[in-house]
Amino acid sequence: MRKEYNKLVRDRIPEILESQQVKFGVEPMTQAAYCQALRQKLIEEAQEAAEAGEDTLVTELADLWEVIDATMSVYGIQRNQVLACQMQRRIDRGTFSQKLRLLWTET
């Protein structure tokens, strides 16, 4: 039975599928398609991390981190840029350590 995916996969997936004697189709993406696929993959992996149980959370976070690294690479963003931005956001807006839930606002 054929199942359609049409999504970005890790580089070793074809090798793994071949070793399992699974028929498959892959194609290289253009740079523009790759950038869009990475953004979609960010959503996919973030959703999987959000839904993960405690037993799989580390794995799902690692997958998300891998996509973040690839996204940073394709856009020429350095880790220190992100960390500096994170620190500034902490100063400007705080962290999540107080575990606050915003219930409502009124204007």
PDB file of N, CA and C in Angstrom:
ATOM      1  N   MET A   1       0.843  -1.184   0.000  1.00  0.00           N
ATOM      2  CA  MET A   1       0.000   0.000   0.000  1.00  0.00           C
ATOM      3  C   MET A   1       0.888   1.247   0.000  1.00  0.00           C
ATOM      4  N   ARG A   2       0.613   2.160  -0.886  1.00  0.00           N
ATOM      5  CA  ARG A   2       1.409   3.374  -1.033  1.00  0.00           C
ATOM      6  C   ARG A   2       0.871   4.474  -0.122  1.00  0.00           C
ATOM      7  N   LYS A   3       1.784   5.146   0.579  1.00  0.00           N
ATOM      8  CA  LYS A   3       1.421   6.259   1.449  1.00  0.00           C
ATOM      9  C   LYS A   3       2.197   7.493   0.992  1.00  0.00           C
ATOM     10  N   GLU A   4       1.501   8.597   0.797  1.00  0.00           N
ATOM     11  CA  GLU A   4       2.124   9.840   0.340  1.00  0.00           C
ATOM     12  C   GLU A   4       2.622  10.649   1.537  1.00  0.00           C
ATOM     13  N   TYR A   5       3.797  11.227   1.419  1.00  0.00           N
ATOM     14  CA  TYR A   5       4.366  12.060   2.477  1.00  0.00           C
ATOM     15  C   TYR A   5       4.613  13.490   2.010  1.00  0.00           C
ATOM     16  N   ASN A   6       5.363  13.653   0.933  1.00  0.00           N
ATOM     17  CA  ASN A   6       5.689  14.970   0.386  1.00  0.00           C
ATOM     18  C   ASN A   6       6.218  15.919   1.459  1.00  0.00           C
ATOM     19  N   LYS A   7       7.215  15.464   2.220  1.00  0.00           N
ATOM     20  CA  LYS A   7       7.774  16.294   3.281  1.00  0.00           C
ATOM     21  C   LYS A   7       9.278  16.082   3.385  1.00  0.00           C
ATOM     22  N   LEU A   8       9.931  17.024   4.006  1.00  0.00           N
ATOM     23  CA  LEU A   8      11.361  16.958   4.258  1.00  0.00           C
ATOM     24  C   LEU A   8      11.666  15.805   5.210  1.00  0.00           C
ATOM     25  N   VAL A   9      12.674  15.023   4.862  1.00  0.00           N
ATOM     26  CA  VAL A   9      13.121  13.936   5.739  1.00  0.00           C
ATOM     27  C   VAL A   9      14.627  14.055   5.949  1.00  0.00           C
ATOM     28  N   ARG A  10      15.100  13.407   6.987  1.00  0.00           N
ATOM     29  CA  ARG A  10      16.535  13.403   7.273  1.00  0.00           C
ATOM     30  C   ARG A  10      17.290  12.666   6.174  1.00  0.00           C
ATOM     31  N   ASP A  11      18.568  13.005   6.040  1.00  0.00           N
ATOM     32  CA  ASP A  11      19.405  12.495   4.949  1.00  0.00           C
ATOM     33  C   ASP A  11      19.521  10.975   4.895  1.00  0.00           C
ATOM     34  N   ARG A  12      19.466  10.299   6.022  1.00  0.00           N
ATOM     35  CA  ARG A  12      19.668   8.852   6.034  1.00  0.00           C
ATOM     36  C   ARG A  12      18.384   8.051   5.835  1.00  0.00           C
ATOM     37  N   ILE A  13      17.251   8.720   5.714  1.00  0.00           N
ATOM     38  CA  ILE A  13      15.979   8.003   5.551  1.00  0.00           C
ATOM     39  C   ILE A  13      15.978   7.111   4.311  1.00  0.00           C
ATOM     40  N   PRO A  14      16.463   7.557   3.148  1.00  0.00           N
ATOM     41  CA  PRO A  14      16.501   6.634   1.999  1.00  0.00           C
ATOM     42  C   PRO A  14      17.329   5.376   2.281  1.00  0.00           C
ATOM     43  N   GLU A  15      18.466   5.550   2.919  1.00  0.00           N
ATOM     44  CA  GLU A  15      19.320   4.410   3.279  1.00  0.00           C
ATOM     45  C   GLU A  15      18.585   3.446   4.216  1.00  0.00           C
ATOM     46  N   ILE A  16      17.886   3.985   5.182  1.00  0.00           N
ATOM     47  CA  ILE A  16      17.131   3.165   6.138  1.00  0.00           C
ATOM     48  C   ILE A  16      16.001   2.426   5.427  1.00  0.00           C
ATOM     49  N   LEU A  17      15.286   3.117   4.552  1.00  0.00           N
ATOM     50  CA  LEU A  17      14.198   2.477   3.808  1.00  0.00           C
ATOM     51  C   LEU A  17      14.727   1.366   2.907  1.00  0.00           C
ATOM     52  N   GLU A  18      15.864   1.609   2.242  1.00  0.00           N
ATOM     53  CA  GLU A  18      16.472   0.570   1.404  1.00  0.00           C
ATOM     54  C   GLU A  18      16.825  -0.662   2.225  1.00  0.00           C
ATOM     55  N   SER A  19      17.383  -0.450   3.411  1.00  0.00           N
ATOM     56  CA  SER A  19      17.773  -1.583   4.258  1.00  0.00           C
ATOM     57  C   SER A  19      16.560  -2.389   4.710  1.00  0.00           C
ATOM     58  N   GLN A  20      15.398  -1.735   4.736  1.00  0.00           N
ATOM     59  CA  GLN A  20      14.152  -2.408   5.116  1.00  0.00           C
ATOM     60  C   GLN A  20      13.396  -2.911   3.887  1.00  0.00           C
ATOM     61  N   GLN A  21      14.011  -2.784   2.723  1.00  0.00           N
ATOM     62  CA  GLN A  21      13.435  -3.207   1.448  1.00  0.00           C
ATOM     63  C   GLN A  21      12.072  -2.562   1.180  1.00  0.00           C
ATOM     64  N   VAL A  22      11.988  -1.276   1.531  1.00  0.00           N
ATOM     65  CA  VAL A  22      10.781  -0.492   1.292  1.00  0.00           C
ATOM     66  C   VAL A  22      10.989   0.315   0.013  1.00  0.00           C
ATOM     67  N   LYS A  23      10.023   0.261  -0.886  1.00  0.00           N
ATOM     68  CA  LYS A  23      10.075   1.085  -2.090  1.00  0.00           C
ATOM     69  C   LYS A  23       9.709   2.517  -1.711  1.00  0.00           C
ATOM     70  N   PHE A  24      10.380   3.479  -2.349  1.00  0.00           N
ATOM     71  CA  PHE A  24      10.134   4.877  -2.004  1.00  0.00           C
ATOM     72  C   PHE A  24      10.549   5.782  -3.151  1.00  0.00           C
ATOM     73  N   GLY A  25      10.118   7.007  -3.083  1.00  0.00           N
ATOM     74  CA  GLY A  25      10.544   8.026  -4.031  1.00  0.00           C
ATOM     75  C   GLY A  25      10.995   9.258  -3.270  1.00  0.00           C
ATOM     76  N   VAL A  26      12.126   9.813  -3.671  1.00  0.00           N
ATOM     77  CA  VAL A  26      12.623  11.068  -3.108  1.00  0.00           C
ATOM     78  C   VAL A  26      13.099  11.950  -4.253  1.00  0.00           C
ATOM     79  N   GLU A  27      13.174  13.229  -4.008  1.00  0.00           N
ATOM     80  CA  GLU A  27      13.736  14.152  -4.983  1.00  0.00           C
ATOM     81  C   GLU A  27      14.384  15.306  -4.239  1.00  0.00           C
ATOM     82  N   PRO A  28      15.444  15.866  -4.820  1.00  0.00           N
ATOM     83  CA  PRO A  28      16.051  17.044  -4.189  1.00  0.00           C
ATOM     84  C   PRO A  28      15.134  18.253  -4.354  1.00  0.00           C
ATOM     85  N   MET A  29      15.205  19.159  -3.394  1.00  0.00           N
ATOM     86  CA  MET A  29      14.386  20.371  -3.432  1.00  0.00           C
ATOM     87  C   MET A  29      15.224  21.563  -3.876  1.00  0.00           C
ATOM     88  N   THR A  30      14.564  22.535  -4.436  1.00  0.00           N
ATOM     89  CA  THR A  30      15.219  23.817  -4.687  1.00  0.00           C
ATOM     90  C   THR A  30      15.469  24.485  -3.338  1.00  0.00           C
ATOM     91  N   GLN A  31      16.302  25.495  -3.327  1.00  0.00           N
ATOM     92  CA  GLN A  31      16.579  26.214  -2.080  1.00  0.00           C
ATOM     93  C   GLN A  31      15.303  26.822  -1.508  1.00  0.00           C
ATOM     94  N   ALA A  32      14.478  27.400  -2.358  1.00  0.00           N
ATOM     95  CA  ALA A  32      13.225  28.012  -1.896  1.00  0.00           C
ATOM     96  C   ALA A  32      12.291  26.959  -1.302  1.00  0.00           C
ATOM     97  N   ALA A  33      12.180  25.817  -1.965  1.00  0.00           N
ATOM     98  CA  ALA A  33      11.325  24.738  -1.457  1.00  0.00           C
ATOM     99  C   ALA A  33      11.876  24.190  -0.146  1.00  0.00           C
ATOM    100  N   TYR A  34      13.205  24.094  -0.055  1.00  0.00           N
ATOM    101  CA  TYR A  34      13.846  23.611   1.172  1.00  0.00           C
ATOM    102  C   TYR A  34      13.558  24.554   2.338  1.00  0.00           C
ATOM    103  N   CYS A  35      13.666  25.853   2.111  1.00  0.00           N
ATOM    104  CA  CYS A  35      13.372  26.834   3.160  1.00  0.00           C
ATOM    105  C   CYS A  35      11.927  26.704   3.635  1.00  0.00           C
ATOM    106  N   GLN A  36      11.005  26.556   2.698  1.00  0.00           N
ATOM    107  CA  GLN A  36       9.598  26.382   3.056  1.00  0.00           C
ATOM    108  C   GLN A  36       9.385  25.063   3.793  1.00  0.00           C
ATOM    109  N   ALA A  37      10.044  24.006   3.343  1.00  0.00           N
ATOM    110  CA  ALA A  37       9.916  22.696   3.987  1.00  0.00           C
ATOM    111  C   ALA A  37      10.455  22.732   5.413  1.00  0.00           C
ATOM    112  N   LEU A  38      11.530  23.468   5.633  1.00  0.00           N
ATOM    113  CA  LEU A  38      12.064  23.602   6.992  1.00  0.00           C
ATOM    114  C   LEU A  38      11.065  24.301   7.908  1.00  0.00           C
ATOM    115  N   ARG A  39      10.409  25.317   7.392  1.00  0.00           N
ATOM    116  CA  ARG A  39       9.415  26.022   8.208  1.00  0.00           C
ATOM    117  C   ARG A  39       8.235  25.103   8.549  1.00  0.00           C
ATOM    118  N   GLN A  40       7.829  24.294   7.590  1.00  0.00           N
ATOM    119  CA  GLN A  40       6.767  23.315   7.857  1.00  0.00           C
ATOM    120  C   GLN A  40       7.243  22.275   8.874  1.00  0.00           C
ATOM    121  N   LYS A  41       8.500  21.866   8.744  1.00  0.00           N
ATOM    122  CA  LYS A  41       9.063  20.868   9.650  1.00  0.00           C
ATOM    123  C   LYS A  41       9.151  21.421  11.075  1.00  0.00           C
ATOM    124  N   LEU A  42       9.413  22.718  11.214  1.00  0.00           N
ATOM    125  CA  LEU A  42       9.410  23.336  12.542  1.00  0.00           C
ATOM    126  C   LEU A  42       8.055  23.151  13.216  1.00  0.00           C
ATOM    127  N   ILE A  43       6.997  23.384  12.450  1.00  0.00           N
ATOM    128  CA  ILE A  43       5.642  23.227  12.986  1.00  0.00           C
ATOM    129  C   ILE A  43       5.392  21.769  13.357  1.00  0.00           C
ATOM    130  N   GLU A  44       5.743  20.863  12.447  1.00  0.00           N
ATOM    131  CA  GLU A  44       5.533  19.428  12.679  1.00  0.00           C
ATOM    132  C   GLU A  44       6.257  18.960  13.939  1.00  0.00           C
ATOM    133  N   GLU A  45       7.529  19.314  14.051  1.00  0.00           N
ATOM    134  CA  GLU A  45       8.316  18.844  15.194  1.00  0.00           C
ATOM    135  C   GLU A  45       7.884  19.512  16.497  1.00  0.00           C
ATOM    136  N   ALA A  46       7.493  20.781  16.437  1.00  0.00           N
ATOM    137  CA  ALA A  46       6.992  21.453  17.637  1.00  0.00           C
ATOM    138  C   ALA A  46       5.699  20.800  18.113  1.00  0.00           C
ATOM    139  N   GLN A  47       4.834  20.427  17.175  1.00  0.00           N
ATOM    140  CA  GLN A  47       3.588  19.746  17.533  1.00  0.00           C
ATOM    141  C   GLN A  47       3.879  18.393  18.174  1.00  0.00           C
ATOM    142  N   GLU A  48       4.824  17.652  17.591  1.00  0.00           N
ATOM    143  CA  GLU A  48       5.189  16.353  18.153  1.00  0.00           C
ATOM    144  C   GLU A  48       5.776  16.511  19.553  1.00  0.00           C
ATOM    145  N   ALA A  49       6.586  17.542  19.767  1.00  0.00           N
ATOM    146  CA  ALA A  49       7.144  17.787  21.098  1.00  0.00           C
ATOM    147  C   ALA A  49       6.032  18.151  22.081  1.00  0.00           C
ATOM    148  N   ALA A  50       5.087  18.961  21.632  1.00  0.00           N
ATOM    149  CA  ALA A  50       3.978  19.368  22.496  1.00  0.00           C
ATOM    150  C   ALA A  50       3.119  18.181  22.914  1.00  0.00           C
ATOM    151  N   GLU A  51       2.999  17.189  22.037  1.00  0.00           N
ATOM    152  CA  GLU A  51       2.154  16.030  22.310  1.00  0.00           C
ATOM    153  C   GLU A  51       2.910  14.867  22.943  1.00  0.00           C
ATOM    154  N   ALA A  52       4.229  14.981  23.065  1.00  0.00           N
ATOM    155  CA  ALA A  52       5.049  13.870  23.549  1.00  0.00           C
ATOM    156  C   ALA A  52       4.818  13.607  25.032  1.00  0.00           C
ATOM    157  N   GLY A  53       4.892  12.332  25.381  1.00  0.00           N
ATOM    158  CA  GLY A  53       4.888  11.955  26.783  1.00  0.00           C
ATOM    159  C   GLY A  53       6.275  12.166  27.363  1.00  0.00           C
ATOM    160  N   GLU A  54       6.383  12.034  28.669  1.00  0.00           N
ATOM    161  CA  GLU A  54       7.677  12.224  29.318  1.00  0.00           C
ATOM    162  C   GLU A  54       8.730  11.264  28.779  1.00  0.00           C
ATOM    163  N   ASP A  55       8.315  10.084  28.344  1.00  0.00           N
ATOM    164  CA  ASP A  55       9.258   9.075  27.853  1.00  0.00           C
ATOM    165  C   ASP A  55       9.838   9.414  26.488  1.00  0.00           C
ATOM    166  N   THR A  56       9.175  10.257  25.697  1.00  0.00           N
ATOM    167  CA  THR A  56       9.670  10.596  24.355  1.00  0.00           C
ATOM    168  C   THR A  56       9.979  12.077  24.181  1.00  0.00           C
ATOM    169  N   LEU A  57       9.806  12.858  25.227  1.00  0.00           N
ATOM    170  CA  LEU A  57       9.989  14.308  25.112  1.00  0.00           C
ATOM    171  C   LEU A  57      11.408  14.684  24.696  1.00  0.00           C
ATOM    172  N   VAL A  58      12.415  14.043  25.272  1.00  0.00           N
ATOM    173  CA  VAL A  58      13.801  14.374  24.925  1.00  0.00           C
ATOM    174  C   VAL A  58      14.055  14.116  23.443  1.00  0.00           C
ATOM    175  N   THR A  59      13.574  12.995  22.930  1.00  0.00           N
ATOM    176  CA  THR A  59      13.749  12.668  21.514  1.00  0.00           C
ATOM    177  C   THR A  59      13.059  13.695  20.627  1.00  0.00           C
ATOM    178  N   GLU A  60      11.855  14.073  20.981  1.00  0.00           N
ATOM    179  CA  GLU A  60      11.116  15.048  20.172  1.00  0.00           C
ATOM    180  C   GLU A  60      11.763  16.428  20.229  1.00  0.00           C
ATOM    181  N   LEU A  61      12.294  16.795  21.396  1.00  0.00           N
ATOM    182  CA  LEU A  61      13.010  18.065  21.493  1.00  0.00           C
ATOM    183  C   LEU A  61      14.295  18.032  20.669  1.00  0.00           C
ATOM    184  N   ALA A  62      14.968  16.875  20.644  1.00  0.00           N
ATOM    185  CA  ALA A  62      16.170  16.722  19.814  1.00  0.00           C
ATOM    186  C   ALA A  62      15.821  16.877  18.340  1.00  0.00           C
ATOM    187  N   ASP A  63      14.707  16.305  17.916  1.00  0.00           N
ATOM    188  CA  ASP A  63      14.258  16.455  16.526  1.00  0.00           C
ATOM    189  C   ASP A  63      13.968  17.925  16.207  1.00  0.00           C
ATOM    190  N   LEU A  64      13.300  18.597  17.124  1.00  0.00           N
ATOM    191  CA  LEU A  64      12.995  20.015  16.933  1.00  0.00           C
ATOM    192  C   LEU A  64      14.283  20.827  16.848  1.00  0.00           C
ATOM    193  N   TRP A  65      15.218  20.524  17.721  1.00  0.00           N
ATOM    194  CA  TRP A  65      16.496  21.227  17.736  1.00  0.00           C
ATOM    195  C   TRP A  65      17.239  21.026  16.413  1.00  0.00           C
ATOM    196  N   GLU A  66      17.171  19.821  15.860  1.00  0.00           N
ATOM    197  CA  GLU A  66      17.821  19.535  14.576  1.00  0.00           C
ATOM    198  C   GLU A  66      17.250  20.419  13.469  1.00  0.00           C
ATOM    199  N   VAL A  67      15.943  20.593  13.479  1.00  0.00           N
ATOM    200  CA  VAL A  67      15.304  21.437  12.467  1.00  0.00           C
ATOM    201  C   VAL A  67      15.656  22.908  12.702  1.00  0.00           C
ATOM    202  N   ILE A  68      15.718  23.310  13.953  1.00  0.00           N
ATOM    203  CA  ILE A  68      16.132  24.679  14.262  1.00  0.00           C
ATOM    204  C   ILE A  68      17.552  24.916  13.758  1.00  0.00           C
ATOM    205  N   ASP A  69      18.456  23.974  14.017  1.00  0.00           N
ATOM    206  CA  ASP A  69      19.837  24.098  13.533  1.00  0.00           C
ATOM    207  C   ASP A  69      19.889  24.219  12.013  1.00  0.00           C
ATOM    208  N   ALA A  70      19.126  23.387  11.319  1.00  0.00           N
ATOM    209  CA  ALA A  70      19.112  23.431   9.854  1.00  0.00           C
ATOM    210  C   ALA A  70      18.540  24.753   9.350  1.00  0.00           C
ATOM    211  N   THR A  71      17.515  25.240  10.013  1.00  0.00           N
ATOM    212  CA  THR A  71      16.897  26.510   9.628  1.00  0.00           C
ATOM    213  C   THR A  71      17.875  27.663   9.837  1.00  0.00           C
ATOM    214  N   MET A  72      18.552  27.656  10.967  1.00  0.00           N
ATOM    215  CA  MET A  72      19.560  28.684  11.230  1.00  0.00           C
ATOM    216  C   MET A  72      20.655  28.640  10.173  1.00  0.00           C
ATOM    217  N   SER A  73      21.080  27.456   9.810  1.00  0.00           N
ATOM    218  CA  SER A  73      22.142  27.297   8.821  1.00  0.00           C
ATOM    219  C   SER A  73      21.731  27.854   7.462  1.00  0.00           C
ATOM    220  N   VAL A  74      20.537  27.514   7.019  1.00  0.00           N
ATOM    221  CA  VAL A  74      20.091  27.944   5.690  1.00  0.00           C
ATOM    222  C   VAL A  74      19.909  29.463   5.607  1.00  0.00           C
ATOM    223  N   TYR A  75      19.596  30.086   6.729  1.00  0.00           N
ATOM    224  CA  TYR A  75      19.420  31.534   6.752  1.00  0.00           C
ATOM    225  C   TYR A  75      20.669  32.276   7.242  1.00  0.00           C
ATOM    226  N   GLY A  76      21.742  31.540   7.505  1.00  0.00           N
ATOM    227  CA  GLY A  76      22.991  32.164   7.940  1.00  0.00           C
ATOM    228  C   GLY A  76      22.916  32.782   9.320  1.00  0.00           C
ATOM    229  N   ILE A  77      22.111  32.199  10.182  1.00  0.00           N
ATOM    230  CA  ILE A  77      21.950  32.700  11.547  1.00  0.00           C
ATOM    231  C   ILE A  77      22.889  31.917  12.460  1.00  0.00           C
ATOM    232  N   GLN A  78      23.672  32.627  13.239  1.00  0.00           N
ATOM    233  CA  GLN A  78      24.603  31.993  14.170  1.00  0.00           C
ATOM    234  C   GLN A  78      23.907  31.741  15.510  1.00  0.00           C
ATOM    235  N   ARG A  79      24.318  30.673  16.171  1.00  0.00           N
ATOM    236  CA  ARG A  79      23.734  30.328  17.475  1.00  0.00           C
ATOM    237  C   ARG A  79      23.882  31.489  18.464  1.00  0.00           C
ATOM    238  N   ASN A  80      25.039  32.170  18.434  1.00  0.00           N
ATOM    239  CA  ASN A  80      25.238  33.272  19.379  1.00  0.00           C
ATOM    240  C   ASN A  80      24.259  34.422  19.123  1.00  0.00           C
ATOM    241  N   GLN A  81      23.813  34.600  17.870  1.00  0.00           N
ATOM    242  CA  GLN A  81      22.794  35.608  17.566  1.00  0.00           C
ATOM    243  C   GLN A  81      21.477  35.253  18.253  1.00  0.00           C
ATOM    244  N   VAL A  82      21.116  33.991  18.174  1.00  0.00           N
ATOM    245  CA  VAL A  82      19.864  33.536  18.784  1.00  0.00           C
ATOM    246  C   VAL A  82      19.950  33.642  20.303  1.00  0.00           C
ATOM    247  N   LEU A  83      21.080  33.236  20.860  1.00  0.00           N
ATOM    248  CA  LEU A  83      21.251  33.308  22.314  1.00  0.00           C
ATOM    249  C   LEU A  83      21.229  34.753  22.803  1.00  0.00           C
ATOM    250  N   ALA A  84      21.841  35.668  22.050  1.00  0.00           N
ATOM    251  CA  ALA A  84      21.811  37.084  22.422  1.00  0.00           C
ATOM    252  C   ALA A  84      20.379  37.616  22.375  1.00  0.00           C
ATOM    253  N   CYS A  85      19.643  37.226  21.356  1.00  0.00           N
ATOM    254  CA  CYS A  85      18.241  37.631  21.241  1.00  0.00           C
ATOM    255  C   CYS A  85      17.425  37.050  22.395  1.00  0.00           C
ATOM    256  N   GLN A  86      17.690  35.793  22.726  1.00  0.00           N
ATOM    257  CA  GLN A  86      16.998  35.149  23.842  1.00  0.00           C
ATOM    258  C   GLN A  86      17.254  35.915  25.144  1.00  0.00           C
ATOM    259  N   MET A  87      18.495  36.296  25.381  1.00  0.00           N
ATOM    260  CA  MET A  87      18.824  37.033  26.602  1.00  0.00           C
ATOM    261  C   MET A  87      18.106  38.382  26.630  1.00  0.00           C
ATOM    262  N   GLN A  88      18.064  39.067  25.495  1.00  0.00           N
ATOM    263  CA  GLN A  88      17.371  40.352  25.439  1.00  0.00           C
ATOM    264  C   GLN A  88      15.879  40.173  25.682  1.00  0.00           C
ATOM    265  N   ARG A  89      15.300  39.121  25.106  1.00  0.00           N
ATOM    266  CA  ARG A  89      13.869  38.835  25.333  1.00  0.00           C
ATOM    267  C   ARG A  89      13.610  38.540  26.809  1.00  0.00           C
ATOM    268  N   ARG A  90      14.543  37.860  27.455  1.00  0.00           N
ATOM    269  CA  ARG A  90      14.400  37.594  28.890  1.00  0.00           C
ATOM    270  C   ARG A  90      14.392  38.898  29.680  1.00  0.00           C
ATOM    271  N   ILE A  91      15.284  39.816  29.303  1.00  0.00           N
ATOM    272  CA  ILE A  91      15.342  41.113  29.980  1.00  0.00           C
ATOM    273  C   ILE A  91      14.057  41.897  29.723  1.00  0.00           C
ATOM    274  N   ASP A  92      13.632  41.942  28.468  1.00  0.00           N
ATOM    275  CA  ASP A  92      12.469  42.746  28.081  1.00  0.00           C
ATOM    276  C   ASP A  92      11.142  42.160  28.544  1.00  0.00           C
ATOM    277  N   ARG A  93      10.997  40.841  28.453  1.00  0.00           N
ATOM    278  CA  ARG A  93       9.688  40.220  28.670  1.00  0.00           C
ATOM    279  C   ARG A  93       9.671  39.170  29.774  1.00  0.00           C
ATOM    280  N   GLY A  94      10.848  38.795  30.261  1.00  0.00           N
ATOM    281  CA  GLY A  94      10.935  37.805  31.326  1.00  0.00           C
ATOM    282  C   GLY A  94      11.059  36.393  30.784  1.00  0.00           C
ATOM    283  N   THR A  95      10.995  35.441  31.714  1.00  0.00           N
ATOM    284  CA  THR A  95      11.062  34.022  31.366  1.00  0.00           C
ATOM    285  C   THR A  95       9.698  33.411  31.657  1.00  0.00           C
ATOM    286  N   PHE A  96       9.671  32.128  31.867  1.00  0.00           N
ATOM    287  CA  PHE A  96       8.421  31.450  32.228  1.00  0.00           C
ATOM    288  C   PHE A  96       8.496  30.866  33.641  1.00  0.00           C
ATOM    289  N   SER A  97       9.472  31.298  34.423  1.00  0.00           N
ATOM    290  CA  SER A  97       9.726  30.685  35.730  1.00  0.00           C
ATOM    291  C   SER A  97       8.592  30.896  36.729  1.00  0.00           C
ATOM    292  N   GLN A  98       7.793  31.945  36.562  1.00  0.00           N
ATOM    293  CA  GLN A  98       6.686  32.184  37.494  1.00  0.00           C
ATOM    294  C   GLN A  98       5.424  31.407  37.123  1.00  0.00           C
ATOM    295  N   LYS A  99       5.453  30.719  36.005  1.00  0.00           N
ATOM    296  CA  LYS A  99       4.343  29.852  35.574  1.00  0.00           C
ATOM    297  C   LYS A  99       3.012  30.608  35.496  1.00  0.00           C
ATOM    298  N   LEU A 100       3.041  31.801  34.925  1.00  0.00           N
ATOM    299  CA  LEU A 100       1.851  32.646  34.847  1.00  0.00           C
ATOM    300  C   LEU A 100       0.983  32.292  33.648  1.00  0.00           C
ATOM    301  N   ARG A 101      -0.326  32.303  33.859  1.00  0.00           N
ATOM    302  CA  ARG A 101      -1.296  32.129  32.776  1.00  0.00           C
ATOM    303  C   ARG A 101      -2.096  33.429  32.665  1.00  0.00           C
ATOM    304  N   LEU A 102      -2.056  34.066  31.501  1.00  0.00           N
ATOM    305  CA  LEU A 102      -2.837  35.281  31.280  1.00  0.00           C
ATOM    306  C   LEU A 102      -4.289  34.883  31.061  1.00  0.00           C
ATOM    307  N   LEU A 103      -5.161  35.380  31.897  1.00  0.00           N
ATOM    308  CA  LEU A 103      -6.574  35.027  31.810  1.00  0.00           C
ATOM    309  C   LEU A 103      -7.354  35.988  30.927  1.00  0.00           C
ATOM    310  N   TRP A 104      -7.084  37.273  31.031  1.00  0.00           N
ATOM    311  CA  TRP A 104      -7.822  38.230  30.228  1.00  0.00           C
ATOM    312  C   TRP A 104      -7.121  39.582  30.256  1.00  0.00           C
ATOM    313  N   THR A 105      -7.488  40.433  29.323  1.00  0.00           N
ATOM    314  CA  THR A 105      -7.089  41.841  29.328  1.00  0.00           C
ATOM    315  C   THR A 105      -8.314  42.663  28.963  1.00  0.00           C
ATOM    316  N   GLU A 106      -8.238  43.943  29.239  1.00  0.00           N
ATOM    317  CA  GLU A 106      -9.334  44.841  28.879  1.00  0.00           C
ATOM    318  C   GLU A 106      -8.731  46.135  28.379  1.00  0.00           C
ATOM    319  N   THR A 107      -9.243  46.626  27.265  1.00  0.00           N
ATOM    320  CA  THR A 107      -8.723  47.896  26.731  1.00  0.00           C
ATOM    321  C   THR A 107      -9.803  48.941  26.690  1.00  0.00           C
TER     322      THR A 107
END
